[in-house]
Protein backbone atom coordinates (compact mmCIF):
# COMPACT_ATOMS: atom_id res chain seq x y z
CA MET A 1 0.25 0.06 -0.24
CA THR A 2 1.45 2.89 -1.15
CA PRO A 3 1.28 6.54 1.37
CA GLU A 4 -1.32 7.81 -1.37
CA ILE A 5 -3.83 5.25 -1.00
CA ALA A 6 -3.69 5.73 2.39
CA ALA A 7 -4.03 8.89 2.44
CA ASP A 8 -7.25 8.29 0.45
CA LEU A 9 -8.72 5.75 2.12
CA ILE A 10 -8.17 8.14 5.39
CA GLY A 11 -9.51 10.99 3.68
CA GLU A 12 -12.74 8.70 2.56
CA SER A 13 -13.37 7.48 5.94
CA LEU A 14 -13.50 10.83 7.68
CA HIS A 15 -15.76 12.11 5.20
CA LEU A 16 -18.05 9.27 5.40
CA THR A 17 -17.89 9.99 9.61
CA MET A 18 -18.21 13.64 8.97
CA LEU A 19 -21.34 13.22 6.61
CA LEU A 20 -22.94 10.65 9.15
CA VAL A 21 -22.23 12.67 12.36
CA LEU A 22 -22.96 15.95 10.43
CA VAL A 23 -26.79 14.12 9.63
CA LEU A 24 -27.58 13.31 13.24
CA ILE A 25 -26.30 16.95 15.02
CA LEU A 26 -27.20 19.74 13.23
CA PRO A 27 -30.99 19.06 13.96
CA GLY A 28 -30.22 18.94 17.29
CA LEU A 29 -28.24 21.61 16.89
CA VAL A 30 -31.01 23.91 15.37
CA THR A 31 -33.74 22.22 17.82
CA GLY A 32 -31.34 23.23 20.39
CA LEU A 33 -30.79 26.72 19.34
CA VAL A 34 -34.67 27.38 18.45
CA VAL A 35 -35.60 26.13 22.32
CA ALA A 36 -32.88 28.54 23.62
CA LEU A 37 -34.22 31.55 21.78
CA PHE A 38 -37.97 30.57 23.09
CA GLN A 39 -36.45 29.89 26.87
CA ALA A 40 -34.77 33.02 26.48
CA ALA A 41 -37.89 35.07 24.96
CA THR A 42 -39.97 33.60 27.98
CA GLN A 43 -37.70 33.99 30.86
CA ILE A 44 -38.22 29.65 31.49
CA ASN A 45 -34.92 27.88 32.74
CA GLU A 46 -36.12 24.74 32.89
CA GLN A 47 -33.55 22.56 32.16
CA THR A 48 -35.96 19.27 30.77
CA LEU A 49 -37.41 21.68 27.88
CA ALA A 50 -33.73 22.07 26.61
CA PHE A 51 -33.00 18.63 26.68
CA LEU A 52 -36.15 16.72 25.36
CA PRO A 53 -36.36 18.68 22.34
CA ARG A 54 -33.14 17.68 21.42
CA LEU A 55 -33.54 13.78 22.48
CA LEU A 56 -36.71 13.99 20.15
CA VAL A 57 -35.27 15.26 17.31
CA THR A 58 -32.45 12.93 17.18
CA LEU A 59 -33.79 9.97 17.55
CA LEU A 60 -36.52 11.19 15.02
CA VAL A 61 -33.79 11.86 12.42
CA LEU A 62 -31.80 8.63 13.59
CA GLY A 63 -35.04 6.76 12.37
CA LEU A 64 -35.45 8.84 9.73
CA ALA A 65 -31.86 8.31 7.60
CA GLY A 66 -30.70 5.28 9.77
CA ARG A 67 -31.14 2.91 6.83
CA TRP A 68 -30.01 5.86 4.34
CA MET A 69 -26.76 5.67 7.24
CA VAL A 70 -26.47 2.11 7.76
CA GLY A 71 -26.68 1.77 3.59
CA LEU A 72 -23.53 4.24 3.46
CA LEU A 73 -21.75 2.58 5.63
CA MET A 74 -22.49 -1.06 4.19
CA ASP A 75 -21.16 0.37 0.59
CA TYR A 76 -17.94 1.34 2.21
CA CYS A 77 -16.95 -1.19 3.78
CA VAL A 78 -18.32 -3.37 0.52
CA SER A 79 -15.18 -1.09 -1.37
CA ILE A 80 -12.70 -1.79 1.65
CA PHE A 81 -13.02 -5.50 1.13
CA GLU A 82 -13.15 -5.53 -2.51
CA ARG A 83 -10.27 -2.98 -2.78
CA ALA A 84 -8.45 -5.32 0.02
CA ALA A 85 -6.42 -7.75 -2.23
CA GLN A 86 -5.33 -4.25 -4.17
CA LEU A 87 -4.22 -2.64 -0.88
CA ALA A 88 -2.18 -5.43 0.39
CA SER A 89 0.36 -5.76 -2.54
């Protein structure tokens, strides 16, 4: 395996990891921002009000995008196994 191939594989894996994490994190981040603005506007300082909507949105996104995320991971794993013979030499 040449350094270029290794760098390419690392880049692909980091790109896939970043994509999968952002799909889960960004909706929770936006929800947290909206809830924080609502709490600041109404001066409600309840901790469960800040946590529960983010949890529900994250679970909803995981349920909706889970199949797509697993598909991406499976495609990446299959491509790694298909290139294993090339990488070993």
